[in-house]
Amino acid sequence: MTKHFFIIVVLFLFAANISEAQNELYKTSKGYLLIKVDLNGTSVDIRSDELMIMLDYETGGIVLKQKVSSLMTDNDSIRSQLKKLQDVYLKFEGKLGLDYVNTVDHPPVDFQVEGTLLPQDIQITGKGHLEHIAQKTKSVCLLTMDFMLNPEIIFPDAQFPGIHNKINVKVIQSLLGKVKG
């Protein structure tokens, strides 16, 4: 009985991996997010290495999701406010301005990124950059995305008074090569 159960589990995991490769979908929960804000004339970094990213290599469709309370900063007042937002998530659903994500050797590519910031349901655009890097590791491309947003889009004044000017939001993620199949 135990041997049959083990075989079924192995077959299930193998089938799941084949399905994942066929969909050409890249997922990680360790993406890097950097938000730069101007707080009363001082530059403050808010960051996370827990950004969830789902990227469809075939279409360039992308989903980003970040739990607000897990954002980190050295600024005590912002950190305190972020920790109060336990059940709040920022989510971006959009498309890279590429026909597909090329993970084979290529020159650097610049493109537009468009999508919707949720739950605010606001359309935003940004700049993207895809650069091929050394193939001696499993990571073969570096994807970066930059957005310049008004503070009230991400942080309403009621929660974060003193944040002024545009907020720079940057996503940085290394991508794995496509599975050949």
Foldseek 3Di string as FASTA:
>chain_A
DVVVVVVVVVVVVVVVVVVCLVQQKDWDQQWKKWKWWQFQNDIWIKIGRRWIWIARQQAQKIKIKDQQLRIDTPDPLSNVLSVVSRPDMKMWTWGWQDNGHDLPDDAKDKTKIWTAIPPVRDIFMWIKIWHADDPPDQFGIKIKIKGWAACCVPPNCVRRPRTDDTMIMMIIDTDGHRDDD
